[in-house]
């Protein structure tokens, strides 16, 4: 039985014909997670017409084994561009789509040099369009998040009501700020700031000259 991630990759493959590519390189981590379930901070996915290859470095070998299913897993050797170029050459791919919004110009240049005759084809929003339509699992998670947010809102509201009631019945809380910051009581021995004499207006003296 196919996992939800493999079903998502199947939907991505349906765009290959209209895009004119044989494979799609996914490097934007939120999209990698959407298509594989991988939650690490270093990973790339190459989706082909009938298979998918997930690439990460040695730090995430065990994590990838747990989280990524139904993908060929390859450990990165050297740079990511070198590893990808080796896979593309082995699979004899000629046109590889990439995420034009997320791939840096520097990495694009490095990868293009190593790919040789294979061409990089810019694709925009291919995975994002899939992510706009939520599956059953995502809908249930959104509903759960909404319930948690509503419960927290209700809890805060009850706390404010309890504080208001306490203020009405307890004179010491009548002027207590809502942030529950401690009330500062001035010590009688505390030095007061210097007070400057106020200027007093005096009436002009009457002239004694006659």
C-alpha atoms as a PDB file:
ATOM      1  CA  UNK A   1       0.000   0.000   0.000  1.00  0.00           C
ATOM      2  CA  UNK A   2       1.373   3.395  -1.001  1.00  0.00           C
ATOM      3  CA  UNK A   3       2.151   5.939   1.685  1.00  0.00           C
ATOM      4  CA  UNK A   4       0.768   9.447   1.488  1.00  0.00           C
ATOM      5  CA  UNK A   5       4.239  10.697   0.531  1.00  0.00           C
ATOM      6  CA  UNK A   6       4.539   8.354  -2.413  1.00  0.00           C
ATOM      7  CA  UNK A   7       1.051   9.404  -3.533  1.00  0.00           C
ATOM      8  CA  UNK A   8       2.189  13.020  -3.446  1.00  0.00           C
ATOM      9  CA  UNK A   9       5.210  12.160  -5.581  1.00  0.00           C
ATOM     10  CA  UNK A  10       2.897  10.432  -8.052  1.00  0.00           C
ATOM     11  CA  UNK A  11       0.901  13.642  -8.370  1.00  0.00           C
ATOM     12  CA  UNK A  12       4.114  15.566  -9.031  1.00  0.00           C
ATOM     13  CA  UNK A  13       5.023  13.137 -11.845  1.00  0.00           C
ATOM     14  CA  UNK A  14       1.800  13.987 -13.656  1.00  0.00           C
ATOM     15  CA  UNK A  15       3.276  17.424 -14.339  1.00  0.00           C
ATOM     16  CA  UNK A  16       6.343  16.026 -16.126  1.00  0.00           C
ATOM     17  CA  UNK A  17       4.706  15.816 -19.562  1.00  0.00           C
ATOM     18  CA  UNK A  18       3.527  19.414 -19.567  1.00  0.00           C
ATOM     19  CA  UNK A  19       6.870  20.610 -18.164  1.00  0.00           C
ATOM     20  CA  UNK A  20       8.933  18.608 -20.643  1.00  0.00           C
ATOM     21  CA  UNK A  21      11.218  17.071 -18.006  1.00  0.00           C
ATOM     22  CA  UNK A  22      12.318  13.553 -17.109  1.00  0.00           C
ATOM     23  CA  UNK A  23      12.888  14.326 -13.438  1.00  0.00           C
ATOM     24  CA  UNK A  24      12.283  17.025 -10.842  1.00  0.00           C
ATOM     25  CA  UNK A  25      14.960  18.083  -8.367  1.00  0.00           C
ATOM     26  CA  UNK A  26      13.495  19.269  -5.041  1.00  0.00           C
ATOM     27  CA  UNK A  27      15.855  21.092  -2.674  1.00  0.00           C
ATOM     28  CA  UNK A  28      13.528  23.404  -0.689  1.00  0.00           C
ATOM     29  CA  UNK A  29      13.288  21.631   2.677  1.00  0.00           C
ATOM     30  CA  UNK A  30       9.525  22.224   3.316  1.00  0.00           C
ATOM     31  CA  UNK A  31       8.850  20.654  -0.081  1.00  0.00           C
ATOM     32  CA  UNK A  32      11.297  17.813   0.588  1.00  0.00           C
ATOM     33  CA  UNK A  33       9.444  17.085   3.813  1.00  0.00           C
ATOM     34  CA  UNK A  34       6.081  17.235   2.041  1.00  0.00           C
ATOM     35  CA  UNK A  35       7.200  14.623  -0.494  1.00  0.00           C
ATOM     36  CA  UNK A  36       9.233  12.336   1.806  1.00  0.00           C
ATOM     37  CA  UNK A  37       8.429  12.986   5.479  1.00  0.00           C
ATOM     38  CA  UNK A  38      12.078  13.843   6.206  1.00  0.00           C
ATOM     39  CA  UNK A  39      12.402  16.399   9.038  1.00  0.00           C
ATOM     40  CA  UNK A  40      16.177  16.949   8.993  1.00  0.00           C
ATOM     41  CA  UNK A  41      17.993  20.085   7.883  1.00  0.00           C
ATOM     42  CA  UNK A  42      19.950  18.663   4.955  1.00  0.00           C
ATOM     43  CA  UNK A  43      18.341  16.707   2.151  1.00  0.00           C
ATOM     44  CA  UNK A  44      17.394  16.752  -1.529  1.00  0.00           C
ATOM     45  CA  UNK A  45      15.001  14.686  -3.605  1.00  0.00           C
ATOM     46  CA  UNK A  46      15.208  13.685  -7.255  1.00  0.00           C
ATOM     47  CA  UNK A  47      11.820  12.476  -8.483  1.00  0.00           C
ATOM     48  CA  UNK A  48      11.846  10.480 -11.729  1.00  0.00           C
ATOM     49  CA  UNK A  49       9.011   9.002 -13.748  1.00  0.00           C
ATOM     50  CA  UNK A  50       9.040   5.678 -11.878  1.00  0.00           C
ATOM     51  CA  UNK A  51      11.324   6.162  -8.900  1.00  0.00           C
ATOM     52  CA  UNK A  52      12.695   8.721  -6.471  1.00  0.00           C
ATOM     53  CA  UNK A  53      16.139   9.210  -4.944  1.00  0.00           C
ATOM     54  CA  UNK A  54      16.654  10.891  -1.596  1.00  0.00           C
ATOM     55  CA  UNK A  55      20.081  12.374  -0.862  1.00  0.00           C
ATOM     56  CA  UNK A  56      21.463  13.401   2.513  1.00  0.00           C
ATOM     57  CA  UNK A  57      24.794  13.351   4.329  1.00  0.00           C
ATOM     58  CA  UNK A  58      26.076  10.838   6.886  1.00  0.00           C
ATOM     59  CA  UNK A  59      24.625  12.770   9.854  1.00  0.00           C
ATOM     60  CA  UNK A  60      21.078  11.874   8.867  1.00  0.00           C
ATOM     61  CA  UNK A  61      21.577   8.286   7.731  1.00  0.00           C
ATOM     62  CA  UNK A  62      19.572   6.734  10.575  1.00  0.00           C
ATOM     63  CA  UNK A  63      16.931   9.462  10.510  1.00  0.00           C
ATOM     64  CA  UNK A  64      16.423   8.998   6.777  1.00  0.00           C
ATOM     65  CA  UNK A  65      16.036   5.246   7.304  1.00  0.00           C
ATOM     66  CA  UNK A  66      13.227   5.928   9.795  1.00  0.00           C
ATOM     67  CA  UNK A  67      11.406   8.732   8.026  1.00  0.00           C
ATOM     68  CA  UNK A  68      11.865   8.240   4.267  1.00  0.00           C
ATOM     69  CA  UNK A  69      10.081   5.320   2.663  1.00  0.00           C
ATOM     70  CA  UNK A  70       9.758   4.043  -0.889  1.00  0.00           C
ATOM     71  CA  UNK A  71      12.768   6.087  -2.026  1.00  0.00           C
ATOM     72  CA  UNK A  72      16.253   5.072  -3.027  1.00  0.00           C
ATOM     73  CA  UNK A  73      18.497   6.566  -0.346  1.00  0.00           C
ATOM     74  CA  UNK A  74      21.932   7.849  -1.326  1.00  0.00           C
ATOM     75  CA  UNK A  75      24.537   9.227   1.071  1.00  0.00           C
ATOM     76  CA  UNK A  76      26.127  12.429  -0.170  1.00  0.00           C
ATOM     77  CA  UNK A  77      29.801  12.073  -1.098  1.00  0.00           C
ATOM     78  CA  UNK A  78      31.629  15.330  -1.587  1.00  0.00           C
ATOM     79  CA  UNK A  79      29.346  18.175  -2.626  1.00  0.00           C
ATOM     80  CA  UNK A  80      25.639  17.824  -3.293  1.00  0.00           C
ATOM     81  CA  UNK A  81      26.206  18.953  -6.879  1.00  0.00           C
ATOM     82  CA  UNK A  82      28.752  16.156  -7.466  1.00  0.00           C
ATOM     83  CA  UNK A  83      26.433  13.532  -5.971  1.00  0.00           C
ATOM     84  CA  UNK A  84      23.498  14.715  -8.080  1.00  0.00           C
ATOM     85  CA  UNK A  85      25.598  14.815 -11.228  1.00  0.00           C
ATOM     86  CA  UNK A  86      26.618  11.187 -10.674  1.00  0.00           C
ATOM     87  CA  UNK A  87      22.988  10.106 -10.255  1.00  0.00           C
ATOM     88  CA  UNK A  88      21.826  12.034 -13.330  1.00  0.00           C
ATOM     89  CA  UNK A  89      24.612  10.539 -15.437  1.00  0.00           C
ATOM     90  CA  UNK A  90      23.869   7.016 -14.208  1.00  0.00           C
ATOM     91  CA  UNK A  91      20.148   7.407 -14.919  1.00  0.00           C
ATOM     92  CA  UNK A  92      20.915   8.987 -18.338  1.00  0.00           C
ATOM     93  CA  UNK A  93      18.630  11.944 -17.708  1.00  0.00           C
ATOM     94  CA  UNK A  94      18.702  14.774 -20.230  1.00  0.00           C
ATOM     95  CA  UNK A  95      16.191  17.293 -18.836  1.00  0.00           C
ATOM     96  CA  UNK A  96      15.959  17.857 -15.074  1.00  0.00           C
ATOM     97  CA  UNK A  97      13.525  20.353 -13.611  1.00  0.00           C
ATOM     98  CA  UNK A  98      14.490  22.408 -10.570  1.00  0.00           C
ATOM     99  CA  UNK A  99      12.747  24.805  -8.190  1.00  0.00           C
ATOM    100  CA  UNK A 100      13.532  28.188  -9.712  1.00  0.00           C
ATOM    101  CA  UNK A 101      12.250  30.081  -6.669  1.00  0.00           C
ATOM    102  CA  UNK A 102      14.476  28.273  -4.211  1.00  0.00           C
ATOM    103  CA  UNK A 103      17.696  27.157  -5.930  1.00  0.00           C
ATOM    104  CA  UNK A 104      20.495  29.679  -5.474  1.00  0.00           C
ATOM    105  CA  UNK A 105      22.278  31.086  -8.505  1.00  0.00           C
ATOM    106  CA  UNK A 106      25.634  29.831  -7.197  1.00  0.00           C
ATOM    107  CA  UNK A 107      24.396  26.250  -6.760  1.00  0.00           C
ATOM    108  CA  UNK A 108      22.647  26.361 -10.135  1.00  0.00           C
ATOM    109  CA  UNK A 109      25.915  27.337 -11.810  1.00  0.00           C
ATOM    110  CA  UNK A 110      27.889  24.641  -9.995  1.00  0.00           C
ATOM    111  CA  UNK A 111      25.331  21.953 -10.810  1.00  0.00           C
ATOM    112  CA  UNK A 112      24.999  22.993 -14.459  1.00  0.00           C
ATOM    113  CA  UNK A 113      28.772  22.629 -14.960  1.00  0.00           C
ATOM    114  CA  UNK A 114      28.851  19.163 -13.412  1.00  0.00           C
ATOM    115  CA  UNK A 115      25.814  17.880 -15.314  1.00  0.00           C
ATOM    116  CA  UNK A 116      27.501  18.294 -18.667  1.00  0.00           C
ATOM    117  CA  UNK A 117      25.018  17.634 -21.481  1.00  0.00           C
ATOM    118  CA  UNK A 118      22.001  17.344 -19.167  1.00  0.00           C
ATOM    119  CA  UNK A 119      19.898  20.500 -19.096  1.00  0.00           C
ATOM    120  CA  UNK A 120      18.382  22.169 -16.044  1.00  0.00           C
ATOM    121  CA  UNK A 121      14.812  23.314 -16.654  1.00  0.00           C
ATOM    122  CA  UNK A 122      13.371  26.007 -14.332  1.00  0.00           C
ATOM    123  CA  UNK A 123      10.010  25.071 -12.798  1.00  0.00           C
ATOM    124  CA  UNK A 124       7.994  27.362 -10.578  1.00  0.00           C
ATOM    125  CA  UNK A 125       5.519  26.291  -7.912  1.00  0.00           C
ATOM    126  CA  UNK A 126       5.155  22.646  -8.947  1.00  0.00           C
ATOM    127  CA  UNK A 127       5.162  21.319  -5.381  1.00  0.00           C
ATOM    128  CA  UNK A 128       3.468  24.393  -3.920  1.00  0.00           C
ATOM    129  CA  UNK A 129       0.419  23.798  -6.124  1.00  0.00           C
ATOM    130  CA  UNK A 130       0.133  20.304  -4.697  1.00  0.00           C
ATOM    131  CA  UNK A 131       0.460  21.603  -1.148  1.00  0.00           C
ATOM    132  CA  UNK A 132      -2.505  23.943  -1.638  1.00  0.00           C
ATOM    133  CA  UNK A 133      -4.863  20.937  -1.756  1.00  0.00           C
ATOM    134  CA  UNK A 134      -4.910  19.283   1.657  1.00  0.00           C
ATOM    135  CA  UNK A 135      -5.253  15.525   2.049  1.00  0.00           C
ATOM    136  CA  UNK A 136      -7.207  13.789   4.806  1.00  0.00           C
ATOM    137  CA  UNK A 137      -4.222  13.630   7.164  1.00  0.00           C
ATOM    138  CA  UNK A 138      -3.481  17.338   6.779  1.00  0.00           C
ATOM    139  CA  UNK A 139      -7.137  18.246   7.332  1.00  0.00           C
ATOM    140  CA  UNK A 140      -7.236  16.228  10.566  1.00  0.00           C
ATOM    141  CA  UNK A 141      -4.043  17.966  11.766  1.00  0.00           C
ATOM    142  CA  UNK A 142      -5.513  21.387  10.958  1.00  0.00           C
ATOM    143  CA  UNK A 143      -8.652  20.504  12.897  1.00  0.00           C
ATOM    144  CA  UNK A 144      -6.561  19.359  15.847  1.00  0.00           C
ATOM    145  CA  UNK A 145      -4.564  22.601  15.772  1.00  0.00           C
ATOM    146  CA  UNK A 146      -7.796  24.616  15.701  1.00  0.00           C
ATOM    147  CA  UNK A 147      -9.149  22.709  18.731  1.00  0.00           C
ATOM    148  CA  UNK A 148      -5.920  23.301  20.670  1.00  0.00           C
ATOM    149  CA  UNK A 149      -5.987  27.015  19.827  1.00  0.00           C
ATOM    150  CA  UNK A 150      -9.643  27.273  20.889  1.00  0.00           C
ATOM    151  CA  UNK A 151      -8.922  25.445  24.158  1.00  0.00           C
ATOM    152  CA  UNK A 152      -6.060  27.843  24.937  1.00  0.00           C
ATOM    153  CA  UNK A 153      -8.281  30.816  24.151  1.00  0.00           C
ATOM    154  CA  UNK A 154     -11.005  29.490  26.457  1.00  0.00           C
ATOM    155  CA  UNK A 155      -8.452  28.846  29.213  1.00  0.00           C
ATOM    156  CA  UNK A 156      -7.160  32.409  28.957  1.00  0.00           C
ATOM    157  CA  UNK A 157     -10.702  33.786  28.992  1.00  0.00           C
ATOM    158  CA  UNK A 158     -11.547  31.816  32.144  1.00  0.00           C
ATOM    159  CA  UNK A 159      -8.387  33.141  33.773  1.00  0.00           C
ATOM    160  CA  UNK A 160      -9.365  36.727  33.003  1.00  0.00           C
ATOM    161  CA  UNK A 161     -12.870  36.145  34.385  1.00  0.00           C
ATOM    162  CA  UNK A 162     -11.436  34.624  37.586  1.00  0.00           C
ATOM    163  CA  UNK A 163      -9.104  37.602  37.998  1.00  0.00           C
ATOM    164  CA  UNK A 164     -11.977  40.028  37.567  1.00  0.00           C
ATOM    165  CA  UNK A 165     -14.032  38.207  40.185  1.00  0.00           C
ATOM    166  CA  UNK A 166     -11.081  38.206  42.579  1.00  0.00           C
ATOM    167  CA  UNK A 167     -10.635  41.938  42.166  1.00  0.00           C
ATOM    168  CA  UNK A 168     -14.289  42.551  42.963  1.00  0.00           C
ATOM    169  CA  UNK A 169     -14.103  40.614  46.228  1.00  0.00           C
ATOM    170  CA  UNK A 170     -10.583  41.348  47.425  1.00  0.00           C
ATOM    171  CA  UNK A 171      -9.588  44.969  48.085  1.00  0.00           C
ATOM    172  CA  UNK A 172      -5.855  44.294  47.752  1.00  0.00           C
ATOM    173  CA  UNK A 173      -6.354  43.210  44.148  1.00  0.00           C
ATOM    174  CA  UNK A 174      -8.495  46.166  43.187  1.00  0.00           C
ATOM    175  CA  UNK A 175      -5.607  48.049  41.597  1.00  0.00           C
ATOM    176  CA  UNK A 176      -3.379  45.086  40.729  1.00  0.00           C
ATOM    177  CA  UNK A 177      -2.269  45.237  37.062  1.00  0.00           C
ATOM    178  CA  UNK A 178      -3.487  42.419  34.801  1.00  0.00           C
ATOM    179  CA  UNK A 179       0.058  41.267  34.076  1.00  0.00           C
ATOM    180  CA  UNK A 180       0.396  40.156  37.720  1.00  0.00           C
ATOM    181  CA  UNK A 181       3.556  42.233  38.150  1.00  0.00           C
ATOM    182  CA  UNK A 182       4.389  42.780  41.831  1.00  0.00           C
ATOM    183  CA  UNK A 183       3.205  46.042  43.400  1.00  0.00           C
ATOM    184  CA  UNK A 184       6.153  48.177  44.452  1.00  0.00           C
ATOM    185  CA  UNK A 185       5.941  49.638  47.961  1.00  0.00           C
ATOM    186  CA  UNK A 186       8.143  52.607  48.598  1.00  0.00           C
ATOM    187  CA  UNK A 187      10.320  52.368  51.688  1.00  0.00           C
ATOM    188  CA  UNK A 188       9.921  55.311  54.035  1.00  0.00           C
ATOM    189  CA  UNK A 189      13.698  55.529  54.364  1.00  0.00           C
ATOM    190  CA  UNK A 190      14.241  55.719  50.635  1.00  0.00           C
ATOM    191  CA  UNK A 191      15.914  58.948  49.582  1.00  0.00           C
ATOM    192  CA  UNK A 192      13.610  61.252  47.698  1.00  0.00           C
ATOM    193  CA  UNK A 193      14.786  62.976  44.546  1.00  0.00           C
ATOM    194  CA  UNK A 194      15.982  66.542  45.082  1.00  0.00           C
ATOM    195  CA  UNK A 195      13.202  69.084  44.942  1.00  0.00           C
ATOM    196  CA  UNK A 196      13.846  72.398  43.317  1.00  0.00           C
ATOM    197  CA  UNK A 197      12.157  75.521  44.700  1.00  0.00           C
ATOM    198  CA  UNK A 198       9.317  76.644  42.574  1.00  0.00           C
ATOM    199  CA  UNK A 199       9.698  80.036  40.988  1.00  0.00           C
ATOM    200  CA  UNK A 200       7.431  82.602  42.658  1.00  0.00           C
ATOM    201  CA  UNK A 201       6.149  85.646  40.918  1.00  0.00           C
ATOM    202  CA  UNK A 202       6.703  88.821  43.053  1.00  0.00           C
ATOM    203  CA  UNK A 203       4.940  92.098  42.579  1.00  0.00           C
ATOM    204  CA  UNK A 204       7.215  94.975  41.570  1.00  0.00           C
ATOM    205  CA  UNK A 205       8.140  97.345  44.437  1.00  0.00           C
ATOM    206  CA  UNK A 206       6.508 100.709  44.434  1.00  0.00           C
ATOM    207  CA  UNK A 207       8.828 103.513  43.515  1.00  0.00           C
ATOM    208  CA  UNK A 208       9.841 105.813  46.462  1.00  0.00           C
ATOM    209  CA  UNK A 209      10.939 108.590  44.203  1.00  0.00           C
ATOM    210  CA  UNK A 210       8.779 111.666  44.416  1.00  0.00           C
END
